[in-house]
C-alpha atoms as a PDB file:
ATOM      1  CA  MET A   1     108.660  64.186 -42.616  1.00  0.00           C
ATOM      2  CA  ASN A   2     111.074  61.352 -43.211  1.00  0.00           C
ATOM      3  CA  ALA A   3     113.404  59.736 -40.726  1.00  0.00           C
ATOM      4  CA  SER A   4     114.076  56.499 -38.913  1.00  0.00           C
ATOM      5  CA  ALA A   5     115.963  55.547 -35.780  1.00  0.00           C
ATOM      6  CA  ASP A   6     119.103  54.625 -37.721  1.00  0.00           C
ATOM      7  CA  LYS A   7     119.180  57.571 -40.098  1.00  0.00           C
ATOM      8  CA  ALA A   8     121.494  60.520 -39.663  1.00  0.00           C
ATOM      9  CA  VAL A   9     119.080  63.192 -40.817  1.00  0.00           C
ATOM     10  CA  MET A  10     115.441  64.222 -40.763  1.00  0.00           C
ATOM     11  CA  VAL A  11     113.858  66.536 -43.316  1.00  0.00           C
ATOM     12  CA  THR A  12     110.598  68.214 -42.346  1.00  0.00           C
ATOM     13  CA  ASN A  13     108.241  70.179 -44.610  1.00  0.00           C
ATOM     14  CA  ALA A  14     110.510  69.714 -47.636  1.00  0.00           C
ATOM     15  CA  ARG A  15     107.967  71.444 -49.886  1.00  0.00           C
ATOM     16  CA  GLY A  16     107.525  74.457 -47.645  1.00  0.00           C
ATOM     17  CA  ALA A  17     106.905  77.632 -49.629  1.00  0.00           C
ATOM     18  CA  SER A  18     109.033  79.942 -47.482  1.00  0.00           C
ATOM     19  CA  PRO A  19     112.331  81.226 -48.879  1.00  0.00           C
ATOM     20  CA  PHE A  20     113.915  80.275 -45.552  1.00  0.00           C
ATOM     21  CA  VAL A  21     115.525  76.854 -45.174  1.00  0.00           C
ATOM     22  CA  ILE A  22     116.289  76.020 -41.549  1.00  0.00           C
ATOM     23  CA  VAL A  23     119.141  73.678 -40.640  1.00  0.00           C
ATOM     24  CA  VAL A  24     119.934  72.414 -37.149  1.00  0.00           C
ATOM     25  CA  ASP A  25     123.381  70.824 -36.935  1.00  0.00           C
ATOM     26  CA  HIS A  26     123.268  70.034 -33.226  1.00  0.00           C
ATOM     27  CA  ALA A  27     119.574  69.258 -32.820  1.00  0.00           C
ATOM     28  CA  SER A  28     119.993  65.945 -31.003  1.00  0.00           C
ATOM     29  CA  ASN A  29     121.951  64.328 -28.190  1.00  0.00           C
ATOM     30  CA  ARG A  30     121.162  60.833 -29.509  1.00  0.00           C
ATOM     31  CA  LEU A  31     123.952  58.270 -29.402  1.00  0.00           C
ATOM     32  CA  PRO A  32     123.148  55.361 -31.726  1.00  0.00           C
ATOM     33  CA  ASP A  33     123.488  51.918 -30.134  1.00  0.00           C
ATOM     34  CA  ARG A  34     126.841  51.307 -31.814  1.00  0.00           C
ATOM     35  CA  PHE A  35     128.440  53.972 -29.607  1.00  0.00           C
ATOM     36  CA  GLY A  36     126.970  53.090 -26.225  1.00  0.00           C
ATOM     37  CA  THR A  37     127.368  56.067 -23.885  1.00  0.00           C
ATOM     38  CA  LEU A  38     130.856  57.044 -25.141  1.00  0.00           C
ATOM     39  CA  GLY A  39     131.839  56.759 -21.486  1.00  0.00           C
ATOM     40  CA  LEU A  40     129.647  59.694 -20.430  1.00  0.00           C
ATOM     41  CA  THR A  41     127.133  60.022 -17.610  1.00  0.00           C
ATOM     42  CA  MET A  42     123.482  60.777 -18.291  1.00  0.00           C
ATOM     43  CA  THR A  43     124.034  64.309 -16.963  1.00  0.00           C
ATOM     44  CA  GLU A  44     126.855  64.857 -19.437  1.00  0.00           C
ATOM     45  CA  ARG A  45     124.798  63.450 -22.315  1.00  0.00           C
ATOM     46  CA  LEU A  46     121.968  65.841 -21.485  1.00  0.00           C
ATOM     47  CA  SER A  47     124.256  68.872 -21.274  1.00  0.00           C
ATOM     48  CA  HIS A  48     125.463  71.288 -23.947  1.00  0.00           C
ATOM     49  CA  VAL A  49     128.458  69.003 -24.405  1.00  0.00           C
ATOM     50  CA  ALA A  50     126.317  66.653 -26.508  1.00  0.00           C
ATOM     51  CA  TRP A  51     123.981  69.038 -28.375  1.00  0.00           C
ATOM     52  CA  ASP A  52     122.437  72.521 -28.558  1.00  0.00           C
ATOM     53  CA  PRO A  53     119.569  72.477 -26.032  1.00  0.00           C
ATOM     54  CA  GLY A  54     116.490  74.344 -27.215  1.00  0.00           C
ATOM     55  CA  ALA A  55     117.691  74.885 -30.779  1.00  0.00           C
ATOM     56  CA  LEU A  56     115.380  72.254 -32.241  1.00  0.00           C
ATOM     57  CA  ALA A  57     112.319  73.528 -30.367  1.00  0.00           C
ATOM     58  CA  VAL A  58     112.768  77.039 -31.758  1.00  0.00           C
ATOM     59  CA  SER A  59     113.558  75.683 -35.220  1.00  0.00           C
ATOM     60  CA  ARG A  60     110.411  73.543 -35.295  1.00  0.00           C
ATOM     61  CA  ALA A  61     108.305  76.509 -34.260  1.00  0.00           C
ATOM     62  CA  LEU A  62     109.940  78.676 -36.938  1.00  0.00           C
ATOM     63  CA  SER A  63     109.370  75.983 -39.553  1.00  0.00           C
ATOM     64  CA  ASP A  64     105.684  75.871 -38.639  1.00  0.00           C
ATOM     65  CA  GLN A  65     105.237  79.634 -38.487  1.00  0.00           C
ATOM     66  CA  LEU A  66     107.114  80.436 -41.706  1.00  0.00           C
ATOM     67  CA  ASP A  67     106.179  77.282 -43.672  1.00  0.00           C
ATOM     68  CA  ALA A  68     109.909  76.674 -43.968  1.00  0.00           C
ATOM     69  CA  PRO A  69     111.680  73.406 -44.779  1.00  0.00           C
ATOM     70  CA  MET A  70     113.884  72.143 -41.973  1.00  0.00           C
ATOM     71  CA  VAL A  71     116.829  69.744 -41.930  1.00  0.00           C
ATOM     72  CA  GLN A  72     118.083  68.389 -38.619  1.00  0.00           C
ATOM     73  CA  ALA A  73     120.866  66.023 -37.643  1.00  0.00           C
ATOM     74  CA  THR A  74     119.491  63.129 -35.579  1.00  0.00           C
ATOM     75  CA  PHE A  75     122.762  62.222 -33.857  1.00  0.00           C
ATOM     76  CA  SER A  76     124.857  63.874 -31.173  1.00  0.00           C
ATOM     77  CA  ARG A  77     127.754  66.036 -32.230  1.00  0.00           C
ATOM     78  CA  LEU A  78     129.847  63.716 -30.053  1.00  0.00           C
ATOM     79  CA  VAL A  79     129.460  61.004 -32.703  1.00  0.00           C
ATOM     80  CA  ILE A  80     130.846  63.424 -35.272  1.00  0.00           C
ATOM     81  CA  ASP A  81     130.334  67.164 -35.548  1.00  0.00           C
ATOM     82  CA  PRO A  82     128.421  67.974 -38.745  1.00  0.00           C
ATOM     83  CA  ASN A  83     129.475  71.617 -38.474  1.00  0.00           C
ATOM     84  CA  ARG A  84     133.175  70.824 -38.864  1.00  0.00           C
ATOM     85  CA  GLY A  85     135.254  70.127 -41.933  1.00  0.00           C
ATOM     86  CA  LEU A  86     136.661  66.635 -42.370  1.00  0.00           C
ATOM     87  CA  ASP A  87     140.162  67.897 -41.584  1.00  0.00           C
ATOM     88  CA  ALA A  88     139.134  69.804 -38.432  1.00  0.00           C
ATOM     89  CA  PRO A  89     140.876  68.676 -35.227  1.00  0.00           C
ATOM     90  CA  ASP A  90     137.520  68.707 -33.411  1.00  0.00           C
ATOM     91  CA  LEU A  91     135.574  66.805 -36.063  1.00  0.00           C
ATOM     92  CA  ILE A  92     135.264  64.045 -33.453  1.00  0.00           C
ATOM     93  CA  TRP A  93     135.497  65.535 -29.977  1.00  0.00           C
ATOM     94  CA  THR A  94     137.745  63.969 -27.344  1.00  0.00           C
ATOM     95  CA  LEU A  95     137.394  66.921 -24.951  1.00  0.00           C
ATOM     96  CA  SER A  96     134.471  69.349 -24.809  1.00  0.00           C
ATOM     97  CA  GLU A  97     135.018  72.247 -22.416  1.00  0.00           C
ATOM     98  CA  ARG A  98     136.150  70.247 -19.358  1.00  0.00           C
ATOM     99  CA  THR A  99     134.475  66.957 -20.268  1.00  0.00           C
ATOM    100  CA  ARG A 100     136.527  64.055 -21.623  1.00  0.00           C
ATOM    101  CA  ILE A 101     134.846  61.853 -24.222  1.00  0.00           C
ATOM    102  CA  PRO A 102     136.509  58.493 -23.488  1.00  0.00           C
ATOM    103  CA  GLY A 103     134.698  56.650 -26.272  1.00  0.00           C
ATOM    104  CA  ASN A 104     136.212  58.981 -28.863  1.00  0.00           C
ATOM    105  CA  GLU A 105     139.814  58.536 -27.802  1.00  0.00           C
ATOM    106  CA  ASN A 106     142.254  56.584 -29.970  1.00  0.00           C
ATOM    107  CA  LEU A 107     139.761  55.909 -32.757  1.00  0.00           C
ATOM    108  CA  SER A 108     140.915  53.710 -35.596  1.00  0.00           C
ATOM    109  CA  PRO A 109     140.956  55.167 -39.127  1.00  0.00           C
ATOM    110  CA  GLU A 110     138.170  52.710 -39.992  1.00  0.00           C
ATOM    111  CA  GLU A 111     135.931  53.953 -37.172  1.00  0.00           C
ATOM    112  CA  ARG A 112     136.556  57.556 -38.125  1.00  0.00           C
ATOM    113  CA  GLN A 113     135.637  56.806 -41.736  1.00  0.00           C
ATOM    114  CA  TYR A 114     132.511  54.943 -40.624  1.00  0.00           C
ATOM    115  CA  ARG A 115     131.261  58.014 -38.821  1.00  0.00           C
ATOM    116  CA  ILE A 116     132.012  60.233 -41.795  1.00  0.00           C
ATOM    117  CA  ASP A 117     130.225  57.905 -44.215  1.00  0.00           C
ATOM    118  CA  HIS A 118     127.168  57.155 -42.063  1.00  0.00           C
ATOM    119  CA  TYR A 119     126.559  60.492 -40.349  1.00  0.00           C
ATOM    120  CA  HIS A 120     128.493  63.499 -41.631  1.00  0.00           C
ATOM    121  CA  ARG A 121     128.073  62.916 -45.371  1.00  0.00           C
ATOM    122  CA  PRO A 122     124.386  61.905 -45.326  1.00  0.00           C
ATOM    123  CA  TYR A 123     123.506  65.011 -43.329  1.00  0.00           C
ATOM    124  CA  HIS A 124     125.168  67.372 -45.766  1.00  0.00           C
ATOM    125  CA  ALA A 125     123.849  65.417 -48.743  1.00  0.00           C
ATOM    126  CA  ALA A 126     120.295  65.959 -47.459  1.00  0.00           C
ATOM    127  CA  ILE A 127     120.828  69.717 -47.238  1.00  0.00           C
ATOM    128  CA  GLU A 128     122.357  69.772 -50.710  1.00  0.00           C
ATOM    129  CA  THR A 129     119.510  67.703 -52.166  1.00  0.00           C
ATOM    130  CA  LEU A 130     116.878  69.989 -50.665  1.00  0.00           C
ATOM    131  CA  LEU A 131     118.546  73.179 -51.873  1.00  0.00           C
ATOM    132  CA  GLU A 132     119.082  71.735 -55.359  1.00  0.00           C
ATOM    133  CA  ALA A 133     115.444  70.650 -55.575  1.00  0.00           C
ATOM    134  CA  ARG A 134     114.342  74.146 -54.642  1.00  0.00           C
ATOM    135  CA  ARG A 135     116.681  75.676 -57.209  1.00  0.00           C
ATOM    136  CA  HIS A 136     115.333  73.431 -59.962  1.00  0.00           C
ATOM    137  CA  ALA A 137     111.798  74.377 -58.904  1.00  0.00           C
ATOM    138  CA  GLY A 138     112.660  78.055 -59.301  1.00  0.00           C
ATOM    139  CA  LEU A 139     112.495  78.787 -55.573  1.00  0.00           C
ATOM    140  CA  SER A 140     114.969  81.139 -53.945  1.00  0.00           C
ATOM    141  CA  SER A 141     116.486  80.014 -50.647  1.00  0.00           C
ATOM    142  CA  ILE A 142     117.952  81.740 -47.605  1.00  0.00           C
ATOM    143  CA  LEU A 143     119.810  79.400 -45.278  1.00  0.00           C
ATOM    144  CA  VAL A 144     119.111  79.800 -41.552  1.00  0.00           C
ATOM    145  CA  CYS A 145     121.556  77.870 -39.350  1.00  0.00           C
ATOM    146  CA  MET A 146     120.168  77.547 -35.827  1.00  0.00           C
ATOM    147  CA  HIS A 147     122.319  76.895 -32.758  1.00  0.00           C
ATOM    148  CA  SER A 148     122.305  77.481 -29.023  1.00  0.00           C
ATOM    149  CA  PHE A 149     125.143  78.164 -26.598  1.00  0.00           C
ATOM    150  CA  THR A 150     125.761  77.661 -22.905  1.00  0.00           C
ATOM    151  CA  PRO A 151     125.450  80.743 -20.652  1.00  0.00           C
ATOM    152  CA  VAL A 152     128.811  80.049 -18.982  1.00  0.00           C
ATOM    153  CA  TYR A 153     131.849  78.637 -20.766  1.00  0.00           C
ATOM    154  CA  HIS A 154     135.110  77.903 -18.962  1.00  0.00           C
ATOM    155  CA  GLY A 155     133.790  79.964 -16.068  1.00  0.00           C
ATOM    156  CA  VAL A 156     133.092  83.053 -18.195  1.00  0.00           C
ATOM    157  CA  GLN A 157     129.572  84.500 -18.330  1.00  0.00           C
ATOM    158  CA  ARG A 158     128.206  85.181 -21.804  1.00  0.00           C
ATOM    159  CA  PRO A 159     125.953  88.238 -21.662  1.00  0.00           C
ATOM    160  CA  TRP A 160     124.287  88.069 -25.084  1.00  0.00           C
ATOM    161  CA  PRO A 161     120.896  86.345 -25.309  1.00  0.00           C
ATOM    162  CA  ILE A 162     121.489  86.060 -29.054  1.00  0.00           C
ATOM    163  CA  GLY A 163     124.635  86.049 -31.139  1.00  0.00           C
ATOM    164  CA  LEU A 164     125.288  86.150 -34.877  1.00  0.00           C
ATOM    165  CA  VAL A 165     128.298  84.476 -36.483  1.00  0.00           C
ATOM    166  CA  VAL A 166     129.372  86.173 -39.702  1.00  0.00           C
ATOM    167  CA  PRO A 167     132.164  84.663 -41.833  1.00  0.00           C
ATOM    168  CA  HIS A 168     131.880  86.638 -45.067  1.00  0.00           C
ATOM    169  CA  ASP A 169     128.997  88.570 -46.590  1.00  0.00           C
ATOM    170  CA  GLU A 170     127.250  90.277 -43.705  1.00  0.00           C
ATOM    171  CA  GLY A 171     124.428  91.874 -45.709  1.00  0.00           C
ATOM    172  CA  PHE A 172     121.498  89.673 -44.701  1.00  0.00           C
ATOM    173  CA  THR A 173     122.827  89.148 -41.180  1.00  0.00           C
ATOM    174  CA  ALA A 174     123.231  92.901 -40.678  1.00  0.00           C
ATOM    175  CA  ALA A 175     119.689  93.456 -41.941  1.00  0.00           C
ATOM    176  CA  PHE A 176     118.431  90.844 -39.471  1.00  0.00           C
ATOM    177  CA  ARG A 177     120.341  92.451 -36.589  1.00  0.00           C
ATOM    178  CA  ASP A 178     118.988  95.873 -37.511  1.00  0.00           C
ATOM    179  CA  ALA A 179     115.455  94.464 -37.603  1.00  0.00           C
ATOM    180  CA  LEU A 180     115.836  92.985 -34.112  1.00  0.00           C
ATOM    181  CA  LEU A 181     117.178  96.249 -32.732  1.00  0.00           C
ATOM    182  CA  ALA A 182     114.399  98.249 -34.379  1.00  0.00           C
ATOM    183  CA  LEU A 183     111.920  96.086 -32.479  1.00  0.00           C
ATOM    184  CA  GLU A 184     113.860  96.102 -29.197  1.00  0.00           C
ATOM    185  CA  PRO A 185     116.607  98.748 -29.058  1.00  0.00           C
ATOM    186  CA  ASP A 186     117.948  97.458 -25.728  1.00  0.00           C
ATOM    187  CA  LEU A 187     118.367  93.883 -26.930  1.00  0.00           C
ATOM    188  CA  ARG A 188     121.990  92.807 -26.631  1.00  0.00           C
ATOM    189  CA  VAL A 189     122.903  91.189 -29.954  1.00  0.00           C
ATOM    190  CA  GLY A 190     126.364  89.656 -30.201  1.00  0.00           C
ATOM    191  CA  TRP A 191     128.236  90.126 -33.487  1.00  0.00           C
ATOM    192  CA  ASN A 192     130.618  87.225 -34.041  1.00  0.00           C
ATOM    193  CA  GLU A 193     129.702  86.224 -30.496  1.00  0.00           C
ATOM    194  CA  PRO A 194     129.888  83.935 -28.632  1.00  0.00           C
ATOM    195  CA  TYR A 195     132.086  82.550 -31.419  1.00  0.00           C
ATOM    196  CA  ALA A 196     134.106  84.273 -34.100  1.00  0.00           C
ATOM    197  CA  ALA A 197     133.793  82.972 -37.636  1.00  0.00           C
ATOM    198  CA  SER A 198     137.572  82.574 -37.678  1.00  0.00           C
ATOM    199  CA  MET A 199     137.262  79.718 -35.155  1.00  0.00           C
ATOM    200  CA  GLY A 200     136.216  77.289 -37.898  1.00  0.00           C
ATOM    201  CA  LEU A 201     132.660  76.726 -36.673  1.00  0.00           C
ATOM    202  CA  THR A 202     130.792  77.672 -39.842  1.00  0.00           C
ATOM    203  CA  LEU A 203     131.041  74.694 -42.205  1.00  0.00           C
ATOM    204  CA  THR A 204     127.304  74.353 -42.816  1.00  0.00           C
ATOM    205  CA  LEU A 205     126.791  78.082 -43.303  1.00  0.00           C
ATOM    206  CA  GLU A 206     129.676  78.410 -45.745  1.00  0.00           C
ATOM    207  CA  ARG A 207     129.241  75.149 -47.634  1.00  0.00           C
ATOM    208  CA  HIS A 208     125.518  75.457 -48.266  1.00  0.00           C
ATOM    209  CA  GLY A 209     125.129  79.230 -48.095  1.00  0.00           C
ATOM    210  CA  ASN A 210     128.139  81.302 -49.085  1.00  0.00           C
ATOM    211  CA  ALA A 211     129.532  78.719 -51.531  1.00  0.00           C
ATOM    212  CA  ARG A 212     126.166  78.521 -53.307  1.00  0.00           C
ATOM    213  CA  GLY A 213     125.904  82.284 -53.551  1.00  0.00           C
ATOM    214  CA  ILE A 214     122.731  82.489 -51.468  1.00  0.00           C
ATOM    215  CA  ASP A 215     122.010  84.579 -48.389  1.00  0.00           C
ATOM    216  CA  ALA A 216     122.752  82.709 -45.176  1.00  0.00           C
ATOM    217  CA  ILE A 217     122.675  83.469 -41.471  1.00  0.00           C
ATOM    218  CA  MET A 218     123.959  81.669 -38.374  1.00  0.00           C
ATOM    219  CA  ILE A 219     121.937  82.391 -35.245  1.00  0.00           C
ATOM    220  CA  GLU A 220     123.115  81.423 -31.752  1.00  0.00           C
ATOM    221  CA  LEU A 221     120.615  81.599 -28.866  1.00  0.00           C
ATOM    222  CA  ARG A 222     121.756  81.369 -25.266  1.00  0.00           C
ATOM    223  CA  HIS A 223     120.092  78.197 -24.213  1.00  0.00           C
ATOM    224  CA  ASP A 224     118.761  79.364 -20.849  1.00  0.00           C
ATOM    225  CA  GLU A 225     116.538  81.686 -22.916  1.00  0.00           C
ATOM    226  CA  ILE A 226     114.818  78.818 -24.760  1.00  0.00           C
ATOM    227  CA  LEU A 227     114.313  75.995 -22.268  1.00  0.00           C
ATOM    228  CA  THR A 228     110.682  76.904 -21.521  1.00  0.00           C
ATOM    229  CA  LEU A 229     107.646  77.077 -23.783  1.00  0.00           C
ATOM    230  CA  ASP A 230     107.386  80.815 -23.153  1.00  0.00           C
ATOM    231  CA  GLY A 231     111.033  81.321 -24.072  1.00  0.00           C
ATOM    232  CA  VAL A 232     110.671  79.301 -27.253  1.00  0.00           C
ATOM    233  CA  ALA A 233     107.561  81.273 -28.223  1.00  0.00           C
ATOM    234  CA  LEU A 234     109.227  84.629 -27.516  1.00  0.00           C
ATOM    235  CA  TRP A 235     112.330  83.869 -29.567  1.00  0.00           C
ATOM    236  CA  THR A 236     110.341  82.281 -32.365  1.00  0.00           C
ATOM    237  CA  GLU A 237     108.387  85.514 -32.751  1.00  0.00           C
ATOM    238  CA  ARG A 238     111.499  87.682 -32.576  1.00  0.00           C
ATOM    239  CA  ILE A 239     113.424  85.618 -35.103  1.00  0.00           C
ATOM    240  CA  ALA A 240     110.495  85.201 -37.484  1.00  0.00           C
ATOM    241  CA  GLU A 241     109.842  88.935 -37.527  1.00  0.00           C
ATOM    242  CA  GLY A 242     113.543  89.701 -37.889  1.00  0.00           C
ATOM    243  CA  LEU A 243     113.911  87.297 -40.805  1.00  0.00           C
ATOM    244  CA  MET A 244     110.858  88.614 -42.636  1.00  0.00           C
ATOM    245  CA  THR A 245     111.921  92.230 -42.146  1.00  0.00           C
ATOM    246  CA  ALA A 246     115.442  91.459 -43.343  1.00  0.00           C
ATOM    247  CA  LEU A 247     113.989  89.711 -46.387  1.00  0.00           C
ATOM    248  CA  LEU A 248     111.900  92.750 -47.286  1.00  0.00           C
ATOM    249  CA  THR A 249     114.810  95.163 -46.879  1.00  0.00           C
ATOM    250  CA  ARG A 250     116.993  93.003 -49.147  1.00  0.00           C
ATOM    251  CA  GLN A 251     114.477  92.804 -51.992  1.00  0.00           C
END
């Protein structure tokens, strides 16, 4: 493991033998000292506004169970969203659902560039470095992008405990979905839910998966499902089995 309090990224188990490489864009709600609280209350900083609750816990458990490398951002998406392109209007959030982010309003071009250079670029460089090292070592890689989502958004209930976001090639993702449903036929699996790929929320998946020509999957877990140890364990088992079954069916 390597990381420090002022680094933008942590890489765990870089030499893991699994074909799966887990990435967690919104693993942390940490606001480095430079940014203070961004004008937010503690409650707001602990909410889904600032990160993907539970996503890191499941990802760590998957990394351990599968012997998979894992890359996680160590800063809140409110500093800068690592899963957005540099030209995206929500690269640096000023409003998330109904929550204003006062500290992100009226940023200077210099401050915007600082966040790109110190957070966004190092995070993606770490993913690229890991995948390139694996390629040079003759290891195949399947990118697994882990996220969580809030059960209610703008007052609308989201019924899926798990959703899959599919921008292009759906082969591996479809195999994973089929594996989940073979295990639990009544499981409600969202397809391009709770977000559609067309909404521009798939930078990491597309940049490091589709653009490299490797299989990639974006998994969204409803975060009320994974806020307890039992929930984390249940979804770790489901996802691990689904991934391994999908891998076997694609070989």
